[in-house]
Amino acid sequence: MKIVIIGGRGNGTVVASTIEDCKKAGQNIHCIGFLNDDEKEINGYPVVGKIRNKDWEKLPNDVMFIYTMSKVKLAYERHMMLKNLAIPLSRFANVVHPTAIVSNQATMGRGNVLMAFAQLGPNATIGNHTLLFTHSYVGHDDTVGEFVFLAAYASTGAWCYIGDGVHLGHKSSMLTRIKIGKYAVTGLGAVVTKDINDFEIVAGVPAKVIGKIDKHI
């Protein structure tokens, strides 16, 4: 399977490294380059086209994609950018690191990446284009939307609902049956003890609202 990463240094290079690990473990997977608007080469990989020009359309039909253009406080904008590219969902691959743990009872959409030691619990569901960084954990019976970002060591409780575009910060956690609204952000180490509304930013122990995302940024 040939994959082109949509993005650049940062999330994109971490995903490329994950793909390299998958290939070393015997998976039939290979990163052939990036789509990026500013660079010609990224960590030894060629930039095969520009995002803004929709150069994905010029690539062969057997090339699959991973979208990595996630950024704190800009999730709404970046999610809309993804939608505007109009890439068929069937052209997105899932990448699962060989050390990741995915329950046989879990389900996921397309375009997701589970990095080293990430876990997806029994009866959990994740949508499309979600990134689970190292040691992140999705609890059993959780529902996770699309374009969600779980930073390293972030974890969700059981029977939680995580809306589209949510960013769960490094080592953030939550109680069971918590609902987090779309495009909300939890800060580093936040402990969420009650529901979070759409576009809210929370931080602290216990987590409290400290701001709100302007979705028109």
C-alpha atoms as a PDB file:
ATOM      1  CA  MET A   1       0.000   0.000   0.000  1.00  0.00           C
ATOM      2  CA  LYS A   2       1.437   3.350  -1.084  1.00  0.00           C
ATOM      3  CA  ILE A   3       0.628   6.337   1.126  1.00  0.00           C
ATOM      4  CA  VAL A   4       1.021  10.069   0.630  1.00  0.00           C
ATOM      5  CA  ILE A   5       0.851  12.186   3.773  1.00  0.00           C
ATOM      6  CA  ILE A   6      -1.055  15.460   3.540  1.00  0.00           C
ATOM      7  CA  GLY A   7       0.832  17.815   5.826  1.00  0.00           C
ATOM      8  CA  GLY A   8       4.415  18.512   6.815  1.00  0.00           C
ATOM      9  CA  ARG A   9       6.916  18.555   9.639  1.00  0.00           C
ATOM     10  CA  GLY A  10       5.420  17.732  13.019  1.00  0.00           C
ATOM     11  CA  ASN A  11       2.380  15.494  12.836  1.00  0.00           C
ATOM     12  CA  GLY A  12       3.260  14.460   9.298  1.00  0.00           C
ATOM     13  CA  THR A  13       6.779  13.315  10.112  1.00  0.00           C
ATOM     14  CA  VAL A  14       5.539  11.398  13.171  1.00  0.00           C
ATOM     15  CA  VAL A  15       3.068   9.575  10.931  1.00  0.00           C
ATOM     16  CA  ALA A  16       5.836   8.872   8.407  1.00  0.00           C
ATOM     17  CA  SER A  17       7.931   7.353  11.198  1.00  0.00           C
ATOM     18  CA  THR A  18       4.953   5.222  12.242  1.00  0.00           C
ATOM     19  CA  ILE A  19       4.611   3.963   8.676  1.00  0.00           C
ATOM     20  CA  GLU A  20       8.327   3.116   8.644  1.00  0.00           C
ATOM     21  CA  ASP A  21       7.853   1.026  11.804  1.00  0.00           C
ATOM     22  CA  CYS A  22       4.878  -0.751  10.231  1.00  0.00           C
ATOM     23  CA  LYS A  23       6.945  -1.580   7.151  1.00  0.00           C
ATOM     24  CA  LYS A  24       9.825  -2.915   9.269  1.00  0.00           C
ATOM     25  CA  ALA A  25       7.324  -5.161  11.069  1.00  0.00           C
ATOM     26  CA  GLY A  26       6.283  -6.712   7.767  1.00  0.00           C
ATOM     27  CA  GLN A  27       3.202  -4.706   6.866  1.00  0.00           C
ATOM     28  CA  ASN A  28       2.711  -4.019   3.164  1.00  0.00           C
ATOM     29  CA  ILE A  29       2.864  -0.254   3.531  1.00  0.00           C
ATOM     30  CA  HIS A  30       5.147   2.484   2.218  1.00  0.00           C
ATOM     31  CA  CYS A  31       5.167   6.278   2.443  1.00  0.00           C
ATOM     32  CA  ILE A  32       6.022   7.650  -1.006  1.00  0.00           C
ATOM     33  CA  GLY A  33       5.935  11.343  -0.109  1.00  0.00           C
ATOM     34  CA  PHE A  34       3.990  14.361   1.054  1.00  0.00           C
ATOM     35  CA  LEU A  35       1.533  16.909  -0.234  1.00  0.00           C
ATOM     36  CA  ASN A  36       2.745  20.253   1.102  1.00  0.00           C
ATOM     37  CA  ASP A  37       2.433  23.856  -0.050  1.00  0.00           C
ATOM     38  CA  ASP A  38       5.812  25.172   1.137  1.00  0.00           C
ATOM     39  CA  GLU A  39       8.545  22.539   0.980  1.00  0.00           C
ATOM     40  CA  LYS A  40      10.174  20.367  -1.672  1.00  0.00           C
ATOM     41  CA  GLU A  41      11.443  17.627   0.621  1.00  0.00           C
ATOM     42  CA  ILE A  42      10.541  16.492   4.150  1.00  0.00           C
ATOM     43  CA  ASN A  43      12.823  14.144   6.108  1.00  0.00           C
ATOM     44  CA  GLY A  44      14.079  12.588   2.903  1.00  0.00           C
ATOM     45  CA  TYR A  45      10.619  12.154   1.393  1.00  0.00           C
ATOM     46  CA  PRO A  46       9.725  14.043  -1.781  1.00  0.00           C
ATOM     47  CA  VAL A  47       6.889  16.546  -1.867  1.00  0.00           C
ATOM     48  CA  VAL A  48       4.825  15.181  -4.745  1.00  0.00           C
ATOM     49  CA  GLY A  49       2.386  18.071  -5.020  1.00  0.00           C
ATOM     50  CA  LYS A  50       0.660  20.986  -3.348  1.00  0.00           C
ATOM     51  CA  ILE A  51      -2.370  20.813  -1.097  1.00  0.00           C
ATOM     52  CA  ARG A  52      -3.912  24.082  -2.281  1.00  0.00           C
ATOM     53  CA  ASN A  53      -3.778  22.966  -5.908  1.00  0.00           C
ATOM     54  CA  LYS A  54      -5.559  19.695  -5.138  1.00  0.00           C
ATOM     55  CA  ASP A  55      -2.628  17.830  -6.648  1.00  0.00           C
ATOM     56  CA  TRP A  56      -3.963  14.654  -5.066  1.00  0.00           C
ATOM     57  CA  GLU A  57      -6.072  14.393  -8.211  1.00  0.00           C
ATOM     58  CA  LYS A  58      -2.898  13.884 -10.287  1.00  0.00           C
ATOM     59  CA  LEU A  59      -1.733  10.861  -8.318  1.00  0.00           C
ATOM     60  CA  PRO A  60      -2.506   7.263  -9.368  1.00  0.00           C
ATOM     61  CA  ASN A  61      -5.688   5.709  -8.020  1.00  0.00           C
ATOM     62  CA  ASP A  62      -3.750   3.146  -5.988  1.00  0.00           C
ATOM     63  CA  VAL A  63      -2.189   5.871  -3.838  1.00  0.00           C
ATOM     64  CA  MET A  64      -3.827   6.272  -0.425  1.00  0.00           C
ATOM     65  CA  PHE A  65      -3.743   9.291   1.884  1.00  0.00           C
ATOM     66  CA  ILE A  66      -3.397  10.299   5.528  1.00  0.00           C
ATOM     67  CA  TYR A  67      -4.377  13.847   6.511  1.00  0.00           C
ATOM     68  CA  THR A  68      -2.233  15.281   9.316  1.00  0.00           C
ATOM     69  CA  MET A  69      -3.058  19.009   9.244  1.00  0.00           C
ATOM     70  CA  SER A  70      -4.280  19.167  12.820  1.00  0.00           C
ATOM     71  CA  LYS A  71      -3.440  22.163  15.019  1.00  0.00           C
ATOM     72  CA  VAL A  72      -4.651  23.285  18.441  1.00  0.00           C
ATOM     73  CA  LYS A  73      -7.302  26.032  18.199  1.00  0.00           C
ATOM     74  CA  LEU A  74      -7.417  25.675  14.400  1.00  0.00           C
ATOM     75  CA  ALA A  75      -9.174  22.307  14.220  1.00  0.00           C
ATOM     76  CA  TYR A  76     -12.330  23.746  12.648  1.00  0.00           C
ATOM     77  CA  GLU A  77     -10.373  25.513   9.900  1.00  0.00           C
ATOM     78  CA  ARG A  78      -8.208  22.471   9.196  1.00  0.00           C
ATOM     79  CA  HIS A  79     -11.229  20.140   9.201  1.00  0.00           C
ATOM     80  CA  MET A  80     -12.952  22.339   6.618  1.00  0.00           C
ATOM     81  CA  MET A  81      -9.747  22.319   4.561  1.00  0.00           C
ATOM     82  CA  LEU A  82      -9.909  18.539   4.513  1.00  0.00           C
ATOM     83  CA  LYS A  83     -13.539  18.551   3.420  1.00  0.00           C
ATOM     84  CA  ASN A  84     -12.829  21.090   0.678  1.00  0.00           C
ATOM     85  CA  LEU A  85     -10.174  18.829  -0.819  1.00  0.00           C
ATOM     86  CA  ALA A  86     -13.051  16.470  -1.693  1.00  0.00           C
ATOM     87  CA  ILE A  87     -10.898  13.349  -1.574  1.00  0.00           C
ATOM     88  CA  PRO A  88     -13.097  10.222  -1.623  1.00  0.00           C
ATOM     89  CA  LEU A  89     -13.122   8.524   1.772  1.00  0.00           C
ATOM     90  CA  SER A  90     -12.117   5.282   0.063  1.00  0.00           C
ATOM     91  CA  ARG A  91      -8.719   6.856  -0.726  1.00  0.00           C
ATOM     92  CA  PHE A  92      -7.782   7.159   2.955  1.00  0.00           C
ATOM     93  CA  ALA A  93      -5.858   4.393   4.715  1.00  0.00           C
ATOM     94  CA  ASN A  94      -5.682   3.368   8.361  1.00  0.00           C
ATOM     95  CA  VAL A  95      -2.199   3.049   9.854  1.00  0.00           C
ATOM     96  CA  VAL A  96      -1.822   0.927  12.989  1.00  0.00           C
ATOM     97  CA  HIS A  97       1.589   0.698  14.641  1.00  0.00           C
ATOM     98  CA  PRO A  98       2.648  -2.892  15.411  1.00  0.00           C
ATOM     99  CA  THR A  99       2.653  -2.148  19.160  1.00  0.00           C
ATOM    100  CA  ALA A 100      -0.821  -0.563  19.175  1.00  0.00           C
ATOM    101  CA  ILE A 101      -3.652  -2.569  20.723  1.00  0.00           C
ATOM    102  CA  VAL A 102      -7.027  -2.626  18.982  1.00  0.00           C
ATOM    103  CA  SER A 103      -9.810  -4.685  20.524  1.00  0.00           C
ATOM    104  CA  ASN A 104     -11.556  -7.162  18.234  1.00  0.00           C
ATOM    105  CA  GLN A 105     -14.808  -5.499  19.291  1.00  0.00           C
ATOM    106  CA  ALA A 106     -13.639  -1.971  18.364  1.00  0.00           C
ATOM    107  CA  THR A 107     -14.514  -0.279  15.077  1.00  0.00           C
ATOM    108  CA  MET A 108     -12.983   2.611  13.191  1.00  0.00           C
ATOM    109  CA  GLY A 109     -13.513   4.523   9.987  1.00  0.00           C
ATOM    110  CA  ARG A 110     -10.775   5.528   7.543  1.00  0.00           C
ATOM    111  CA  GLY A 111      -7.745   7.784   7.583  1.00  0.00           C
ATOM    112  CA  ASN A 112      -6.890   7.038  11.227  1.00  0.00           C
ATOM    113  CA  VAL A 113      -3.419   6.568  12.710  1.00  0.00           C
ATOM    114  CA  LEU A 114      -2.721   4.617  15.899  1.00  0.00           C
ATOM    115  CA  MET A 115       0.855   5.247  16.954  1.00  0.00           C
ATOM    116  CA  ALA A 116       3.147   3.266  19.230  1.00  0.00           C
ATOM    117  CA  PHE A 117       1.331   1.711  22.208  1.00  0.00           C
ATOM    118  CA  ALA A 118      -1.974   3.489  21.499  1.00  0.00           C
ATOM    119  CA  GLN A 119      -5.022   1.497  22.611  1.00  0.00           C
ATOM    120  CA  LEU A 120      -8.597   1.230  21.387  1.00  0.00           C
ATOM    121  CA  GLY A 121     -10.834  -0.543  23.892  1.00  0.00           C
ATOM    122  CA  PRO A 122     -13.693  -3.032  23.441  1.00  0.00           C
ATOM    123  CA  ASN A 123     -16.840  -1.676  21.765  1.00  0.00           C
ATOM    124  CA  ALA A 124     -15.162   1.683  21.188  1.00  0.00           C
ATOM    125  CA  THR A 125     -15.823   3.456  17.901  1.00  0.00           C
ATOM    126  CA  ILE A 126     -13.708   6.099  16.219  1.00  0.00           C
ATOM    127  CA  GLY A 127     -14.681   7.933  13.051  1.00  0.00           C
ATOM    128  CA  ASN A 128     -12.368   9.121  10.281  1.00  0.00           C
ATOM    129  CA  HIS A 129      -9.097  11.087  10.261  1.00  0.00           C
ATOM    130  CA  THR A 130      -8.326  10.681  13.957  1.00  0.00           C
ATOM    131  CA  LEU A 131      -4.754  10.633  15.297  1.00  0.00           C
ATOM    132  CA  LEU A 132      -3.952   8.626  18.431  1.00  0.00           C
ATOM    133  CA  PHE A 133      -0.441   9.490  19.548  1.00  0.00           C
ATOM    134  CA  THR A 134       1.819   7.255  21.605  1.00  0.00           C
ATOM    135  CA  HIS A 135       0.288   5.657  24.710  1.00  0.00           C
ATOM    136  CA  SER A 136      -3.079   7.375  24.176  1.00  0.00           C
ATOM    137  CA  TYR A 137      -6.126   5.360  25.186  1.00  0.00           C
ATOM    138  CA  VAL A 138      -9.756   5.254  24.072  1.00  0.00           C
ATOM    139  CA  GLY A 139     -11.855   3.534  26.731  1.00  0.00           C
ATOM    140  CA  HIS A 140     -14.397   0.796  26.231  1.00  0.00           C
ATOM    141  CA  ASP A 141     -17.792   1.726  24.772  1.00  0.00           C
ATOM    142  CA  ASP A 142     -16.587   5.206  23.789  1.00  0.00           C
ATOM    143  CA  THR A 143     -17.741   7.045  20.682  1.00  0.00           C
ATOM    144  CA  VAL A 144     -15.118   9.268  19.082  1.00  0.00           C
ATOM    145  CA  GLY A 145     -16.031  11.496  16.137  1.00  0.00           C
ATOM    146  CA  GLU A 146     -13.836  12.393  13.200  1.00  0.00           C
ATOM    147  CA  PHE A 147     -10.711  14.539  12.987  1.00  0.00           C
ATOM    148  CA  VAL A 148     -10.011  14.065  16.699  1.00  0.00           C
ATOM    149  CA  PHE A 149      -6.496  14.469  18.116  1.00  0.00           C
ATOM    150  CA  LEU A 150      -5.363  12.466  21.153  1.00  0.00           C
ATOM    151  CA  ALA A 151      -1.943  13.693  22.242  1.00  0.00           C
ATOM    152  CA  ALA A 152       0.557  11.376  23.912  1.00  0.00           C
ATOM    153  CA  TYR A 153      -0.815   9.695  27.056  1.00  0.00           C
ATOM    154  CA  ALA A 154      -4.268  11.287  26.687  1.00  0.00           C
ATOM    155  CA  SER A 155      -7.031   8.954  27.822  1.00  0.00           C
ATOM    156  CA  THR A 156     -10.798   8.786  27.797  1.00  0.00           C
ATOM    157  CA  GLY A 157     -13.043   7.141  30.365  1.00  0.00           C
ATOM    158  CA  ALA A 158     -15.626   4.509  29.528  1.00  0.00           C
ATOM    159  CA  TRP A 159     -18.910   5.340  27.758  1.00  0.00           C
ATOM    160  CA  CYS A 160     -17.619   8.789  26.782  1.00  0.00           C
ATOM    161  CA  TYR A 161     -18.596  10.798  23.704  1.00  0.00           C
ATOM    162  CA  ILE A 162     -15.905  12.843  21.948  1.00  0.00           C
ATOM    163  CA  GLY A 163     -17.171  15.195  19.244  1.00  0.00           C
ATOM    164  CA  ASP A 164     -15.620  16.030  15.882  1.00  0.00           C
ATOM    165  CA  GLY A 165     -12.403  18.034  15.895  1.00  0.00           C
ATOM    166  CA  VAL A 166     -11.687  17.689  19.621  1.00  0.00           C
ATOM    167  CA  HIS A 167      -8.092  18.099  20.809  1.00  0.00           C
ATOM    168  CA  LEU A 168      -7.217  16.117  23.934  1.00  0.00           C
ATOM    169  CA  GLY A 169      -3.968  17.478  25.314  1.00  0.00           C
ATOM    170  CA  HIS A 170      -0.942  15.562  26.571  1.00  0.00           C
ATOM    171  CA  LYS A 171      -1.802  13.439  29.639  1.00  0.00           C
ATOM    172  CA  SER A 172      -5.351  14.791  29.825  1.00  0.00           C
ATOM    173  CA  SER A 173      -7.985  12.415  31.198  1.00  0.00           C
ATOM    174  CA  MET A 174     -11.664  12.256  32.074  1.00  0.00           C
ATOM    175  CA  LEU A 175     -14.246  10.452  34.147  1.00  0.00           C
ATOM    176  CA  THR A 176     -16.664   7.937  32.673  1.00  0.00           C
ATOM    177  CA  ARG A 177     -19.730   9.054  30.673  1.00  0.00           C
ATOM    178  CA  ILE A 178     -18.251  12.464  29.858  1.00  0.00           C
ATOM    179  CA  LYS A 179     -19.412  14.286  26.725  1.00  0.00           C
ATOM    180  CA  ILE A 180     -16.982  16.623  24.984  1.00  0.00           C
ATOM    181  CA  GLY A 181     -18.478  18.889  22.337  1.00  0.00           C
ATOM    182  CA  LYS A 182     -17.051  19.412  18.876  1.00  0.00           C
ATOM    183  CA  TYR A 183     -13.751  21.287  18.420  1.00  0.00           C
ATOM    184  CA  ALA A 184     -13.246  21.595  22.185  1.00  0.00           C
ATOM    185  CA  VAL A 185      -9.719  21.566  23.647  1.00  0.00           C
ATOM    186  CA  THR A 186      -8.469  20.010  26.879  1.00  0.00           C
ATOM    187  CA  GLY A 187      -5.171  21.393  28.154  1.00  0.00           C
ATOM    188  CA  LEU A 188      -2.068  19.481  29.153  1.00  0.00           C
ATOM    189  CA  GLY A 189      -2.796  17.281  32.166  1.00  0.00           C
ATOM    190  CA  ALA A 190      -6.421  18.414  32.461  1.00  0.00           C
ATOM    191  CA  VAL A 191      -8.783  16.167  34.418  1.00  0.00           C
ATOM    192  CA  VAL A 192     -12.287  16.486  32.988  1.00  0.00           C
ATOM    193  CA  THR A 193     -15.011  15.825  35.548  1.00  0.00           C
ATOM    194  CA  LYS A 194     -18.034  17.277  33.718  1.00  0.00           C
ATOM    195  CA  ASP A 195     -19.243  17.750  30.157  1.00  0.00           C
ATOM    196  CA  ILE A 196     -17.582  20.306  27.872  1.00  0.00           C
ATOM    197  CA  ASN A 197     -19.556  22.353  25.343  1.00  0.00           C
ATOM    198  CA  ASP A 198     -18.684  22.853  21.687  1.00  0.00           C
ATOM    199  CA  PHE A 199     -15.575  25.029  21.078  1.00  0.00           C
ATOM    200  CA  GLU A 200     -14.722  25.387  24.784  1.00  0.00           C
ATOM    201  CA  ILE A 201     -11.124  25.330  26.034  1.00  0.00           C
ATOM    202  CA  VAL A 202     -10.607  23.767  29.460  1.00  0.00           C
ATOM    203  CA  ALA A 203      -7.535  23.287  31.647  1.00  0.00           C
ATOM    204  CA  GLY A 204      -6.607  22.358  35.190  1.00  0.00           C
ATOM    205  CA  VAL A 205      -7.515  19.818  37.864  1.00  0.00           C
ATOM    206  CA  PRO A 206     -10.440  19.646  37.845  1.00  0.00           C
ATOM    207  CA  ALA A 207     -10.742  21.134  34.362  1.00  0.00           C
ATOM    208  CA  LYS A 208     -12.403  24.543  34.105  1.00  0.00           C
ATOM    209  CA  VAL A 209     -13.328  26.646  31.097  1.00  0.00           C
ATOM    210  CA  ILE A 210     -10.577  29.154  30.293  1.00  0.00           C
ATOM    211  CA  GLY A 211     -11.643  30.258  26.813  1.00  0.00           C
ATOM    212  CA  LYS A 212     -13.480  29.507  23.636  1.00  0.00           C
ATOM    213  CA  ILE A 213     -12.388  28.718  20.091  1.00  0.00           C
ATOM    214  CA  ASP A 214     -13.274  31.227  17.386  1.00  0.00           C
ATOM    215  CA  LYS A 215     -14.269  28.917  14.587  1.00  0.00           C
ATOM    216  CA  HIS A 216     -13.941  31.741  12.061  1.00  0.00           C
ATOM    217  CA  ILE A 217     -10.185  32.173  12.634  1.00  0.00           C
END
